[in-house]
mmCIF file of all heavy atoms, coordinates in Angstrom:
data_MODEL
# 
_entry.id   MODEL 
# 
loop_
_atom_site.group_PDB 
_atom_site.id 
_atom_site.type_symbol 
_atom_site.label_atom_id 
_atom_site.label_alt_id 
_atom_site.label_comp_id 
_atom_site.label_asym_id 
_atom_site.label_entity_id 
_atom_site.label_seq_id 
_atom_site.pdbx_PDB_ins_code 
_atom_site.Cartn_x 
_atom_site.Cartn_y 
_atom_site.Cartn_z 
_atom_site.occupancy 
_atom_site.B_iso_or_equiv 
_atom_site.pdbx_formal_charge 
_atom_site.auth_seq_id 
_atom_site.auth_comp_id 
_atom_site.auth_asym_id 
_atom_site.auth_atom_id 
_atom_site.pdbx_PDB_model_num 
ATOM 1   N N   . LYS A 1 1  ? -8.743  -10.965 0.580  1.00 0.00 ? 1  LYS A N   1 
ATOM 2   C CA  . LYS A 1 1  ? -9.138  -12.276 1.116  1.00 0.00 ? 1  LYS A CA  1 
ATOM 3   C C   . LYS A 1 1  ? -8.881  -12.340 2.642  1.00 0.00 ? 1  LYS A C   1 
ATOM 4   O O   . LYS A 1 1  ? -9.666  -12.912 3.388  1.00 0.00 ? 1  LYS A O   1 
ATOM 5   C CB  . LYS A 1 1  ? -8.400  -13.397 0.410  1.00 0.00 ? 1  LYS A CB  1 
ATOM 6   C CG  . LYS A 1 1  ? -8.756  -14.765 0.956  1.00 0.00 ? 1  LYS A CG  1 
ATOM 7   C CD  . LYS A 1 1  ? -7.999  -15.866 0.277  1.00 0.00 ? 1  LYS A CD  1 
ATOM 8   C CE  . LYS A 1 1  ? -8.424  -17.174 0.883  1.00 0.00 ? 1  LYS A CE  1 
ATOM 9   N NZ  . LYS A 1 1  ? -7.622  -18.266 0.374  1.00 0.00 ? 1  LYS A NZ  1 
ATOM 10  N N   . ASN A 1 2  ? -7.804  -11.753 3.074  1.00 0.00 ? 2  ASN A N   1 
ATOM 11  C CA  . ASN A 1 2  ? -7.451  -11.782 4.501  1.00 0.00 ? 2  ASN A CA  1 
ATOM 12  C C   . ASN A 1 2  ? -8.216  -10.745 5.309  1.00 0.00 ? 2  ASN A C   1 
ATOM 13  O O   . ASN A 1 2  ? -8.160  -10.766 6.554  1.00 0.00 ? 2  ASN A O   1 
ATOM 14  C CB  . ASN A 1 2  ? -5.950  -11.572 4.695  1.00 0.00 ? 2  ASN A CB  1 
ATOM 15  C CG  . ASN A 1 2  ? -5.165  -12.717 4.123  1.00 0.00 ? 2  ASN A CG  1 
ATOM 16  O OD1 . ASN A 1 2  ? -5.591  -13.858 4.132  1.00 0.00 ? 2  ASN A OD1 1 
ATOM 17  N ND2 . ASN A 1 2  ? -4.004  -12.415 3.572  1.00 0.00 ? 2  ASN A ND2 1 
ATOM 18  N N   . VAL A 1 3  ? -8.929  -9.880  4.656  1.00 0.00 ? 3  VAL A N   1 
ATOM 19  C CA  . VAL A 1 3  ? -9.728  -8.856  5.351  1.00 0.00 ? 3  VAL A CA  1 
ATOM 20  C C   . VAL A 1 3  ? -11.205 -9.228  5.358  1.00 0.00 ? 3  VAL A C   1 
ATOM 21  O O   . VAL A 1 3  ? -11.853 -9.213  6.391  1.00 0.00 ? 3  VAL A O   1 
ATOM 22  C CB  . VAL A 1 3  ? -9.522  -7.456  4.719  1.00 0.00 ? 3  VAL A CB  1 
ATOM 23  C CG1 . VAL A 1 3  ? -10.371 -6.430  5.416  1.00 0.00 ? 3  VAL A CG1 1 
ATOM 24  C CG2 . VAL A 1 3  ? -8.044  -7.069  4.730  1.00 0.00 ? 3  VAL A CG2 1 
ATOM 25  N N   . PHE A 1 4  ? -11.738 -9.597  4.187  1.00 0.00 ? 4  PHE A N   1 
ATOM 26  C CA  . PHE A 1 4  ? -13.173 -9.894  4.058  1.00 0.00 ? 4  PHE A CA  1 
ATOM 27  C C   . PHE A 1 4  ? -13.473 -11.349 3.791  1.00 0.00 ? 4  PHE A C   1 
ATOM 28  O O   . PHE A 1 4  ? -14.621 -11.733 3.702  1.00 0.00 ? 4  PHE A O   1 
ATOM 29  C CB  . PHE A 1 4  ? -13.812 -8.995  2.978  1.00 0.00 ? 4  PHE A CB  1 
ATOM 30  C CG  . PHE A 1 4  ? -13.766 -7.543  3.343  1.00 0.00 ? 4  PHE A CG  1 
ATOM 31  C CD1 . PHE A 1 4  ? -12.909 -6.673  2.708  1.00 0.00 ? 4  PHE A CD1 1 
ATOM 32  C CD2 . PHE A 1 4  ? -14.590 -7.044  4.345  1.00 0.00 ? 4  PHE A CD2 1 
ATOM 33  C CE1 . PHE A 1 4  ? -12.872 -5.329  3.040  1.00 0.00 ? 4  PHE A CE1 1 
ATOM 34  C CE2 . PHE A 1 4  ? -14.575 -5.711  4.676  1.00 0.00 ? 4  PHE A CE2 1 
ATOM 35  C CZ  . PHE A 1 4  ? -13.694 -4.848  4.028  1.00 0.00 ? 4  PHE A CZ  1 
ATOM 36  N N   . GLY A 1 5  ? -12.447 -12.189 3.568  1.00 0.00 ? 5  GLY A N   1 
ATOM 37  C CA  . GLY A 1 5  ? -12.666 -13.624 3.402  1.00 0.00 ? 5  GLY A CA  1 
ATOM 38  C C   . GLY A 1 5  ? -12.911 -14.075 1.966  1.00 0.00 ? 5  GLY A C   1 
ATOM 39  O O   . GLY A 1 5  ? -12.950 -15.277 1.721  1.00 0.00 ? 5  GLY A O   1 
ATOM 40  N N   . THR A 1 6  ? -13.052 -13.186 1.040  1.00 0.00 ? 6  THR A N   1 
ATOM 41  C CA  . THR A 1 6  ? -13.318 -13.543 -0.350 1.00 0.00 ? 6  THR A CA  1 
ATOM 42  C C   . THR A 1 6  ? -12.201 -13.006 -1.233 1.00 0.00 ? 6  THR A C   1 
ATOM 43  O O   . THR A 1 6  ? -11.863 -11.830 -1.170 1.00 0.00 ? 6  THR A O   1 
ATOM 44  C CB  . THR A 1 6  ? -14.654 -12.934 -0.837 1.00 0.00 ? 6  THR A CB  1 
ATOM 45  O OG1 . THR A 1 6  ? -15.704 -13.407 0.031  1.00 0.00 ? 6  THR A OG1 1 
ATOM 46  C CG2 . THR A 1 6  ? -14.952 -13.357 -2.268 1.00 0.00 ? 6  THR A CG2 1 
ATOM 47  N N   . ALA A 1 7  ? -11.598 -13.911 -2.006 1.00 0.00 ? 7  ALA A N   1 
ATOM 48  C CA  . ALA A 1 7  ? -10.526 -13.482 -2.897 1.00 0.00 ? 7  ALA A CA  1 
ATOM 49  C C   . ALA A 1 7  ? -11.061 -12.796 -4.125 1.00 0.00 ? 7  ALA A C   1 
ATOM 50  O O   . ALA A 1 7  ? -12.057 -13.215 -4.718 1.00 0.00 ? 7  ALA A O   1 
ATOM 51  C CB  . ALA A 1 7  ? -9.692  -14.687 -3.315 1.00 0.00 ? 7  ALA A CB  1 
ATOM 52  N N   . ILE A 1 8  ? -10.410 -11.689 -4.494 1.00 0.00 ? 8  ILE A N   1 
ATOM 53  C CA  . ILE A 1 8  ? -10.696 -10.993 -5.748 1.00 0.00 ? 8  ILE A CA  1 
ATOM 54  C C   . ILE A 1 8  ? -9.324  -10.809 -6.397 1.00 0.00 ? 8  ILE A C   1 
ATOM 55  O O   . ILE A 1 8  ? -8.447  -10.158 -5.804 1.00 0.00 ? 8  ILE A O   1 
ATOM 56  C CB  . ILE A 1 8  ? -11.397 -9.624  -5.519 1.00 0.00 ? 8  ILE A CB  1 
ATOM 57  C CG1 . ILE A 1 8  ? -12.751 -9.863  -4.829 1.00 0.00 ? 8  ILE A CG1 1 
ATOM 58  C CG2 . ILE A 1 8  ? -11.556 -8.885  -6.837 1.00 0.00 ? 8  ILE A CG2 1 
ATOM 59  C CD1 . ILE A 1 8  ? -13.471 -8.590  -4.447 1.00 0.00 ? 8  ILE A CD1 1 
ATOM 60  N N   . PRO A 1 9  ? -9.108  -11.389 -7.589 1.00 0.00 ? 9  PRO A N   1 
ATOM 61  C CA  . PRO A 1 9  ? -7.771  -11.460 -8.169 1.00 0.00 ? 9  PRO A CA  1 
ATOM 62  C C   . PRO A 1 9  ? -6.978  -10.153 -8.222 1.00 0.00 ? 9  PRO A C   1 
ATOM 63  O O   . PRO A 1 9  ? -5.761  -10.118 -8.050 1.00 0.00 ? 9  PRO A O   1 
ATOM 64  C CB  . PRO A 1 9  ? -8.024  -11.991 -9.586 1.00 0.00 ? 9  PRO A CB  1 
ATOM 65  C CG  . PRO A 1 9  ? -9.316  -12.704 -9.501 1.00 0.00 ? 9  PRO A CG  1 
ATOM 66  C CD  . PRO A 1 9  ? -10.112 -11.975 -8.454 1.00 0.00 ? 9  PRO A CD  1 
ATOM 67  N N   . TYR A 1 10 ? -7.637  -9.028  -8.432 1.00 0.00 ? 10 TYR A N   1 
ATOM 68  C CA  . TYR A 1 10 ? -6.922  -7.755  -8.569 1.00 0.00 ? 10 TYR A CA  1 
ATOM 69  C C   . TYR A 1 10 ? -6.790  -6.980  -7.254 1.00 0.00 ? 10 TYR A C   1 
ATOM 70  O O   . TYR A 1 10 ? -6.177  -5.938  -7.199 1.00 0.00 ? 10 TYR A O   1 
ATOM 71  C CB  . TYR A 1 10 ? -7.568  -6.885  -9.651 1.00 0.00 ? 10 TYR A CB  1 
ATOM 72  C CG  . TYR A 1 10 ? -9.041  -6.579  -9.401 1.00 0.00 ? 10 TYR A CG  1 
ATOM 73  C CD1 . TYR A 1 10 ? -9.437  -5.503  -8.659 1.00 0.00 ? 10 TYR A CD1 1 
ATOM 74  C CD2 . TYR A 1 10 ? -10.023 -7.407  -9.945 1.00 0.00 ? 10 TYR A CD2 1 
ATOM 75  C CE1 . TYR A 1 10 ? -10.768 -5.231  -8.429 1.00 0.00 ? 10 TYR A CE1 1 
ATOM 76  C CE2 . TYR A 1 10 ? -11.359 -7.156  -9.735 1.00 0.00 ? 10 TYR A CE2 1 
ATOM 77  C CZ  . TYR A 1 10 ? -11.737 -6.074  -8.974 1.00 0.00 ? 10 TYR A CZ  1 
ATOM 78  O OH  . TYR A 1 10 ? -13.063 -5.805  -8.756 1.00 0.00 ? 10 TYR A OH  1 
ATOM 79  N N   . LEU A 1 11 ? -7.330  -7.514  -6.140 1.00 0.00 ? 11 LEU A N   1 
ATOM 80  C CA  . LEU A 1 11 ? -7.219  -6.840  -4.854 1.00 0.00 ? 11 LEU A CA  1 
ATOM 81  C C   . LEU A 1 11 ? -6.320  -7.682  -3.943 1.00 0.00 ? 11 LEU A C   1 
ATOM 82  O O   . LEU A 1 11 ? -6.756  -8.346  -3.009 1.00 0.00 ? 11 LEU A O   1 
ATOM 83  C CB  . LEU A 1 11 ? -8.606  -6.646  -4.230 1.00 0.00 ? 11 LEU A CB  1 
ATOM 84  C CG  . LEU A 1 11 ? -9.530  -5.688  -4.969 1.00 0.00 ? 11 LEU A CG  1 
ATOM 85  C CD1 . LEU A 1 11 ? -10.876 -5.608  -4.264 1.00 0.00 ? 11 LEU A CD1 1 
ATOM 86  C CD2 . LEU A 1 11 ? -8.922  -4.313  -5.069 1.00 0.00 ? 11 LEU A CD2 1 
ATOM 87  N N   . VAL A 1 12 ? -5.047  -7.656  -4.269 1.00 0.00 ? 12 VAL A N   1 
ATOM 88  C CA  . VAL A 1 12 ? -4.019  -8.427  -3.555 1.00 0.00 ? 12 VAL A CA  1 
ATOM 89  C C   . VAL A 1 12 ? -3.088  -7.461  -2.811 1.00 0.00 ? 12 VAL A C   1 
ATOM 90  O O   . VAL A 1 12 ? -2.981  -6.291  -3.166 1.00 0.00 ? 12 VAL A O   1 
ATOM 91  C CB  . VAL A 1 12 ? -3.249  -9.351  -4.478 1.00 0.00 ? 12 VAL A CB  1 
ATOM 92  C CG1 . VAL A 1 12 ? -4.168  -10.393 -5.118 1.00 0.00 ? 12 VAL A CG1 1 
ATOM 93  C CG2 . VAL A 1 12 ? -2.531  -8.548  -5.556 1.00 0.00 ? 12 VAL A CG2 1 
ATOM 94  N N   . GLY A 1 13 ? -2.399  -7.981  -1.815 1.00 0.00 ? 13 GLY A N   1 
ATOM 95  C CA  . GLY A 1 13 ? -1.441  -7.154  -1.096 1.00 0.00 ? 13 GLY A CA  1 
ATOM 96  C C   . GLY A 1 13 ? -0.241  -6.794  -1.975 1.00 0.00 ? 13 GLY A C   1 
ATOM 97  O O   . GLY A 1 13 ? 0.200   -7.603  -2.776 1.00 0.00 ? 13 GLY A O   1 
ATOM 98  N N   . VAL A 1 14 ? 0.230   -5.575  -1.794 1.00 0.00 ? 14 VAL A N   1 
ATOM 99  C CA  . VAL A 1 14 ? 1.401   -5.091  -2.568 1.00 0.00 ? 14 VAL A CA  1 
ATOM 100 C C   . VAL A 1 14 ? 2.257   -4.241  -1.646 1.00 0.00 ? 14 VAL A C   1 
ATOM 101 O O   . VAL A 1 14 ? 1.792   -3.675  -0.650 1.00 0.00 ? 14 VAL A O   1 
ATOM 102 C CB  . VAL A 1 14 ? 0.977   -4.258  -3.790 1.00 0.00 ? 14 VAL A CB  1 
ATOM 103 C CG1 . VAL A 1 14 ? 0.196   -5.099  -4.800 1.00 0.00 ? 14 VAL A CG1 1 
ATOM 104 C CG2 . VAL A 1 14 ? 0.146   -3.058  -3.384 1.00 0.00 ? 14 VAL A CG2 1 
ATOM 105 N N   . PRO A 1 15 ? 3.552   -4.136  -1.967 1.00 0.00 ? 15 PRO A N   1 
ATOM 106 C CA  . PRO A 1 15 ? 4.426   -3.232  -1.190 1.00 0.00 ? 15 PRO A CA  1 
ATOM 107 C C   . PRO A 1 15 ? 3.976   -1.773  -1.348 1.00 0.00 ? 15 PRO A C   1 
ATOM 108 O O   . PRO A 1 15 ? 3.457   -1.372  -2.414 1.00 0.00 ? 15 PRO A O   1 
ATOM 109 C CB  . PRO A 1 15 ? 5.797   -3.446  -1.830 1.00 0.00 ? 15 PRO A CB  1 
ATOM 110 C CG  . PRO A 1 15 ? 5.730   -4.727  -2.535 1.00 0.00 ? 15 PRO A CG  1 
ATOM 111 C CD  . PRO A 1 15 ? 4.295   -4.875  -2.974 1.00 0.00 ? 15 PRO A CD  1 
ATOM 112 N N   . ASP A 1 16 ? 4.162   -0.998  -0.313 1.00 0.00 ? 16 ASP A N   1 
ATOM 113 C CA  . ASP A 1 16 ? 3.841   0.443   -0.331 1.00 0.00 ? 16 ASP A CA  1 
ATOM 114 C C   . ASP A 1 16 ? 5.120   1.187   0.023  1.00 0.00 ? 16 ASP A C   1 
ATOM 115 O O   . ASP A 1 16 ? 5.395   1.429   1.203  1.00 0.00 ? 16 ASP A O   1 
ATOM 116 C CB  . ASP A 1 16 ? 2.723   0.739   0.655  1.00 0.00 ? 16 ASP A CB  1 
ATOM 117 C CG  . ASP A 1 16 ? 2.363   2.224   0.698  1.00 0.00 ? 16 ASP A CG  1 
ATOM 118 O OD1 . ASP A 1 16 ? 2.994   3.038   -0.010 1.00 0.00 ? 16 ASP A OD1 1 
ATOM 119 O OD2 . ASP A 1 16 ? 1.465   2.584   1.495  1.00 0.00 ? 16 ASP A OD2 1 
ATOM 120 N N   . PRO A 1 17 ? 5.934   1.549   -0.961 1.00 0.00 ? 17 PRO A N   1 
ATOM 121 C CA  . PRO A 1 17 ? 7.248   2.147   -0.646 1.00 0.00 ? 17 PRO A CA  1 
ATOM 122 C C   . PRO A 1 17 ? 7.179   3.566   -0.092 1.00 0.00 ? 17 PRO A C   1 
ATOM 123 O O   . PRO A 1 17 ? 8.182   4.088   0.344  1.00 0.00 ? 17 PRO A O   1 
ATOM 124 C CB  . PRO A 1 17 ? 7.945   2.140   -2.034 1.00 0.00 ? 17 PRO A CB  1 
ATOM 125 C CG  . PRO A 1 17 ? 6.824   2.187   -3.021 1.00 0.00 ? 17 PRO A CG  1 
ATOM 126 C CD  . PRO A 1 17 ? 5.707   1.405   -2.400 1.00 0.00 ? 17 PRO A CD  1 
ATOM 127 N N   . TYR A 1 18 ? 6.012   4.185   -0.099 1.00 0.00 ? 18 TYR A N   1 
ATOM 128 C CA  . TYR A 1 18 ? 5.885   5.560   0.380  1.00 0.00 ? 18 TYR A CA  1 
ATOM 129 C C   . TYR A 1 18 ? 5.320   5.667   1.801  1.00 0.00 ? 18 TYR A C   1 
ATOM 130 O O   . TYR A 1 18 ? 5.159   6.761   2.340  1.00 0.00 ? 18 TYR A O   1 
ATOM 131 C CB  . TYR A 1 18 ? 5.029   6.385   -0.585 1.00 0.00 ? 18 TYR A CB  1 
ATOM 132 C CG  . TYR A 1 18 ? 5.575   6.330   -1.974 1.00 0.00 ? 18 TYR A CG  1 
ATOM 133 C CD1 . TYR A 1 18 ? 5.008   5.519   -2.930 1.00 0.00 ? 18 TYR A CD1 1 
ATOM 134 C CD2 . TYR A 1 18 ? 6.711   7.062   -2.310 1.00 0.00 ? 18 TYR A CD2 1 
ATOM 135 C CE1 . TYR A 1 18 ? 5.523   5.437   -4.221 1.00 0.00 ? 18 TYR A CE1 1 
ATOM 136 C CE2 . TYR A 1 18 ? 7.252   6.979   -3.600 1.00 0.00 ? 18 TYR A CE2 1 
ATOM 137 C CZ  . TYR A 1 18 ? 6.664   6.170   -4.535 1.00 0.00 ? 18 TYR A CZ  1 
ATOM 138 O OH  . TYR A 1 18 ? 7.209   6.095   -5.795 1.00 0.00 ? 18 TYR A OH  1 
ATOM 139 N N   . ASP A 1 19 ? 4.995   4.551   2.404  1.00 0.00 ? 19 ASP A N   1 
ATOM 140 C CA  . ASP A 1 19 ? 4.339   4.570   3.713  1.00 0.00 ? 19 ASP A CA  1 
ATOM 141 C C   . ASP A 1 19 ? 5.234   5.163   4.806  1.00 0.00 ? 19 ASP A C   1 
ATOM 142 O O   . ASP A 1 19 ? 4.730   5.648   5.796  1.00 0.00 ? 19 ASP A O   1 
ATOM 143 C CB  . ASP A 1 19 ? 3.914   3.182   4.127  1.00 0.00 ? 19 ASP A CB  1 
ATOM 144 C CG  . ASP A 1 19 ? 3.114   3.184   5.420  1.00 0.00 ? 19 ASP A CG  1 
ATOM 145 O OD1 . ASP A 1 19 ? 1.954   3.640   5.348  1.00 0.00 ? 19 ASP A OD1 1 
ATOM 146 O OD2 . ASP A 1 19 ? 3.670   2.828   6.455  1.00 0.00 ? 19 ASP A OD2 1 
ATOM 147 N N   . TYR A 1 20 ? 6.554   5.154   4.627  1.00 0.00 ? 20 TYR A N   1 
ATOM 148 C CA  . TYR A 1 20 ? 7.417   5.689   5.697  1.00 0.00 ? 20 TYR A CA  1 
ATOM 149 C C   . TYR A 1 20 ? 7.155   7.180   5.965  1.00 0.00 ? 20 TYR A C   1 
ATOM 150 O O   . TYR A 1 20 ? 7.532   7.700   6.999  1.00 0.00 ? 20 TYR A O   1 
ATOM 151 C CB  . TYR A 1 20 ? 8.893   5.460   5.373  1.00 0.00 ? 20 TYR A CB  1 
ATOM 152 C CG  . TYR A 1 20 ? 9.394   6.134   4.123  1.00 0.00 ? 20 TYR A CG  1 
ATOM 153 C CD1 . TYR A 1 20 ? 9.844   7.445   4.160  1.00 0.00 ? 20 TYR A CD1 1 
ATOM 154 C CD2 . TYR A 1 20 ? 9.408   5.456   2.922  1.00 0.00 ? 20 TYR A CD2 1 
ATOM 155 C CE1 . TYR A 1 20 ? 10.298  8.060   2.995  1.00 0.00 ? 20 TYR A CE1 1 
ATOM 156 C CE2 . TYR A 1 20 ? 9.855   6.065   1.761  1.00 0.00 ? 20 TYR A CE2 1 
ATOM 157 C CZ  . TYR A 1 20 ? 10.310  7.362   1.801  1.00 0.00 ? 20 TYR A CZ  1 
ATOM 158 O OH  . TYR A 1 20 ? 10.751  7.981   0.689  1.00 0.00 ? 20 TYR A OH  1 
ATOM 159 N N   . TYR A 1 21 ? 6.406   7.859   5.074  1.00 0.00 ? 21 TYR A N   1 
ATOM 160 C CA  . TYR A 1 21 ? 6.032   9.272   5.333  1.00 0.00 ? 21 TYR A CA  1 
ATOM 161 C C   . TYR A 1 21 ? 4.909   9.347   6.352  1.00 0.00 ? 21 TYR A C   1 
ATOM 162 O O   . TYR A 1 21 ? 4.658   10.417  6.898  1.00 0.00 ? 21 TYR A O   1 
ATOM 163 C CB  . TYR A 1 21 ? 5.557   9.925   4.019  1.00 0.00 ? 21 TYR A CB  1 
ATOM 164 C CG  . TYR A 1 21 ? 6.664   10.177  3.023  1.00 0.00 ? 21 TYR A CG  1 
ATOM 165 C CD1 . TYR A 1 21 ? 6.662   9.525   1.805  1.00 0.00 ? 21 TYR A CD1 1 
ATOM 166 C CD2 . TYR A 1 21 ? 7.696   11.074  3.298  1.00 0.00 ? 21 TYR A CD2 1 
ATOM 167 C CE1 . TYR A 1 21 ? 7.664   9.732   0.873  1.00 0.00 ? 21 TYR A CE1 1 
ATOM 168 C CE2 . TYR A 1 21 ? 8.693   11.293  2.380  1.00 0.00 ? 21 TYR A CE2 1 
ATOM 169 C CZ  . TYR A 1 21 ? 8.678   10.622  1.169  1.00 0.00 ? 21 TYR A CZ  1 
ATOM 170 O OH  . TYR A 1 21 ? 9.662   10.859  0.253  1.00 0.00 ? 21 TYR A OH  1 
ATOM 171 N N   . CYS A 1 22 ? 4.179   8.280   6.548  1.00 0.00 ? 22 CYS A N   1 
ATOM 172 C CA  . CYS A 1 22 ? 3.023   8.281   7.447  1.00 0.00 ? 22 CYS A CA  1 
ATOM 173 C C   . CYS A 1 22 ? 3.492   8.338   8.923  1.00 0.00 ? 22 CYS A C   1 
ATOM 174 O O   . CYS A 1 22 ? 4.400   7.603   9.300  1.00 0.00 ? 22 CYS A O   1 
ATOM 175 C CB  . CYS A 1 22 ? 2.198   7.032   7.216  1.00 0.00 ? 22 CYS A CB  1 
ATOM 176 S SG  . CYS A 1 22 ? 0.708   6.988   8.218  1.00 0.00 ? 22 CYS A SG  1 
ATOM 177 N N   . PRO A 1 23 ? 2.886   9.188   9.732  1.00 0.00 ? 23 PRO A N   1 
ATOM 178 C CA  . PRO A 1 23 ? 3.329   9.302   11.121 1.00 0.00 ? 23 PRO A CA  1 
ATOM 179 C C   . PRO A 1 23 ? 3.101   8.016   11.942 1.00 0.00 ? 23 PRO A C   1 
ATOM 180 O O   . PRO A 1 23 ? 3.724   7.842   12.971 1.00 0.00 ? 23 PRO A O   1 
ATOM 181 C CB  . PRO A 1 23 ? 2.477   10.454  11.695 1.00 0.00 ? 23 PRO A CB  1 
ATOM 182 C CG  . PRO A 1 23 ? 1.378   10.703  10.705 1.00 0.00 ? 23 PRO A CG  1 
ATOM 183 C CD  . PRO A 1 23 ? 1.808   10.122  9.413  1.00 0.00 ? 23 PRO A CD  1 
ATOM 184 N N   . LEU A 1 24 ? 2.226   7.151   11.486 1.00 0.00 ? 24 LEU A N   1 
ATOM 185 C CA  . LEU A 1 24 ? 2.016   5.885   12.225 1.00 0.00 ? 24 LEU A CA  1 
ATOM 186 C C   . LEU A 1 24 ? 2.617   4.692   11.498 1.00 0.00 ? 24 LEU A C   1 
ATOM 187 O O   . LEU A 1 24 ? 2.180   3.560   11.643 1.00 0.00 ? 24 LEU A O   1 
ATOM 188 C CB  . LEU A 1 24 ? 0.523   5.625   12.459 1.00 0.00 ? 24 LEU A CB  1 
ATOM 189 C CG  . LEU A 1 24 ? -0.161  6.549   13.458 1.00 0.00 ? 24 LEU A CG  1 
ATOM 190 C CD1 . LEU A 1 24 ? -1.658  6.316   13.488 1.00 0.00 ? 24 LEU A CD1 1 
ATOM 191 C CD2 . LEU A 1 24 ? 0.448   6.365   14.839 1.00 0.00 ? 24 LEU A CD2 1 
ATOM 192 N N   . HIS A 1 25 ? 3.690   4.960   10.726 1.00 0.00 ? 25 HIS A N   1 
ATOM 193 C CA  . HIS A 1 25 ? 4.391   3.870   10.018 1.00 0.00 ? 25 HIS A CA  1 
ATOM 194 C C   . HIS A 1 25 ? 4.869   2.837   11.041 1.00 0.00 ? 25 HIS A C   1 
ATOM 195 O O   . HIS A 1 25 ? 4.749   1.647   10.844 1.00 0.00 ? 25 HIS A O   1 
ATOM 196 C CB  . HIS A 1 25 ? 5.558   4.417   9.212  1.00 0.00 ? 25 HIS A CB  1 
ATOM 197 C CG  . HIS A 1 25 ? 6.332   3.344   8.506  1.00 0.00 ? 25 HIS A CG  1 
ATOM 198 N ND1 . HIS A 1 25 ? 5.866   2.689   7.410  1.00 0.00 ? 25 HIS A ND1 1 
ATOM 199 C CD2 . HIS A 1 25 ? 7.562   2.827   8.791  1.00 0.00 ? 25 HIS A CD2 1 
ATOM 200 C CE1 . HIS A 1 25 ? 6.786   1.803   7.010  1.00 0.00 ? 25 HIS A CE1 1 
ATOM 201 N NE2 . HIS A 1 25 ? 7.800   1.875   7.826  1.00 0.00 ? 25 HIS A NE2 1 
ATOM 202 N N   . ARG A 1 26 ? 5.404   3.303   12.129 1.00 0.00 ? 26 ARG A N   1 
ATOM 203 C CA  . ARG A 1 26 ? 5.826   2.438   13.255 1.00 0.00 ? 26 ARG A CA  1 
ATOM 204 C C   . ARG A 1 26 ? 5.196   2.991   14.514 1.00 0.00 ? 26 ARG A C   1 
ATOM 205 O O   . ARG A 1 26 ? 5.206   4.201   14.736 1.00 0.00 ? 26 ARG A O   1 
ATOM 206 C CB  . ARG A 1 26 ? 7.331   2.398   13.391 1.00 0.00 ? 26 ARG A CB  1 
ATOM 207 C CG  . ARG A 1 26 ? 8.026   1.795   12.190 1.00 0.00 ? 26 ARG A CG  1 
ATOM 208 C CD  . ARG A 1 26 ? 9.526   1.669   12.355 1.00 0.00 ? 26 ARG A CD  1 
ATOM 209 N NE  . ARG A 1 26 ? 9.937   0.631   13.280 1.00 0.00 ? 26 ARG A NE  1 
ATOM 210 C CZ  . ARG A 1 26 ? 9.906   -0.687  13.069 1.00 0.00 ? 26 ARG A CZ  1 
ATOM 211 N NH1 . ARG A 1 26 ? 9.428   -1.124  11.955 1.00 0.00 ? 26 ARG A NH1 1 
ATOM 212 N NH2 . ARG A 1 26 ? 10.357  -1.530  13.965 1.00 0.00 ? 26 ARG A NH2 1 
ATOM 213 N N   . TRP A 1 27 ? 4.664   2.133   15.334 1.00 0.00 ? 27 TRP A N   1 
ATOM 214 C CA  . TRP A 1 27 ? 4.049   2.555   16.582 1.00 0.00 ? 27 TRP A CA  1 
ATOM 215 C C   . TRP A 1 27 ? 4.286   1.482   17.641 1.00 0.00 ? 27 TRP A C   1 
ATOM 216 O O   . TRP A 1 27 ? 4.537   0.318   17.329 1.00 0.00 ? 27 TRP A O   1 
ATOM 217 C CB  . TRP A 1 27 ? 2.566   2.858   16.428 1.00 0.00 ? 27 TRP A CB  1 
ATOM 218 C CG  . TRP A 1 27 ? 1.762   1.787   15.744 1.00 0.00 ? 27 TRP A CG  1 
ATOM 219 C CD1 . TRP A 1 27 ? 1.558   1.657   14.397 1.00 0.00 ? 27 TRP A CD1 1 
ATOM 220 C CD2 . TRP A 1 27 ? 1.084   0.673   16.347 1.00 0.00 ? 27 TRP A CD2 1 
ATOM 221 N NE1 . TRP A 1 27 ? 0.797   0.547   14.114 1.00 0.00 ? 27 TRP A NE1 1 
ATOM 222 C CE2 . TRP A 1 27 ? 0.488   -0.057  15.288 1.00 0.00 ? 27 TRP A CE2 1 
ATOM 223 C CE3 . TRP A 1 27 ? 0.925   0.239   17.645 1.00 0.00 ? 27 TRP A CE3 1 
ATOM 224 C CZ2 . TRP A 1 27 ? -0.263  -1.211  15.542 1.00 0.00 ? 27 TRP A CZ2 1 
ATOM 225 C CZ3 . TRP A 1 27 ? 0.174   -0.899  17.859 1.00 0.00 ? 27 TRP A CZ3 1 
ATOM 226 C CH2 . TRP A 1 27 ? -0.406  -1.601  16.826 1.00 0.00 ? 27 TRP A CH2 1 
ATOM 227 N N   . THR A 1 28 ? 4.263   1.898   18.886 1.00 0.00 ? 28 THR A N   1 
ATOM 228 C CA  . THR A 1 28 ? 4.509   1.002   19.998 1.00 0.00 ? 28 THR A CA  1 
ATOM 229 C C   . THR A 1 28 ? 3.496   1.252   21.096 1.00 0.00 ? 28 THR A C   1 
ATOM 230 O O   . THR A 1 28 ? 3.178   2.384   21.409 1.00 0.00 ? 28 THR A O   1 
ATOM 231 C CB  . THR A 1 28 ? 5.938   1.242   20.567 1.00 0.00 ? 28 THR A CB  1 
ATOM 232 O OG1 . THR A 1 28 ? 6.890   1.044   19.539 1.00 0.00 ? 28 THR A OG1 1 
ATOM 233 C CG2 . THR A 1 28 ? 6.230   0.298   21.722 1.00 0.00 ? 28 THR A CG2 1 
# 
């Protein structure tokens, strides 16, 4: 909903506990 403006019940934001492996997890 926050990306395309239309809510779809099963496409909601969720925590991603593995993202810290990504090189762009934090950027400045």
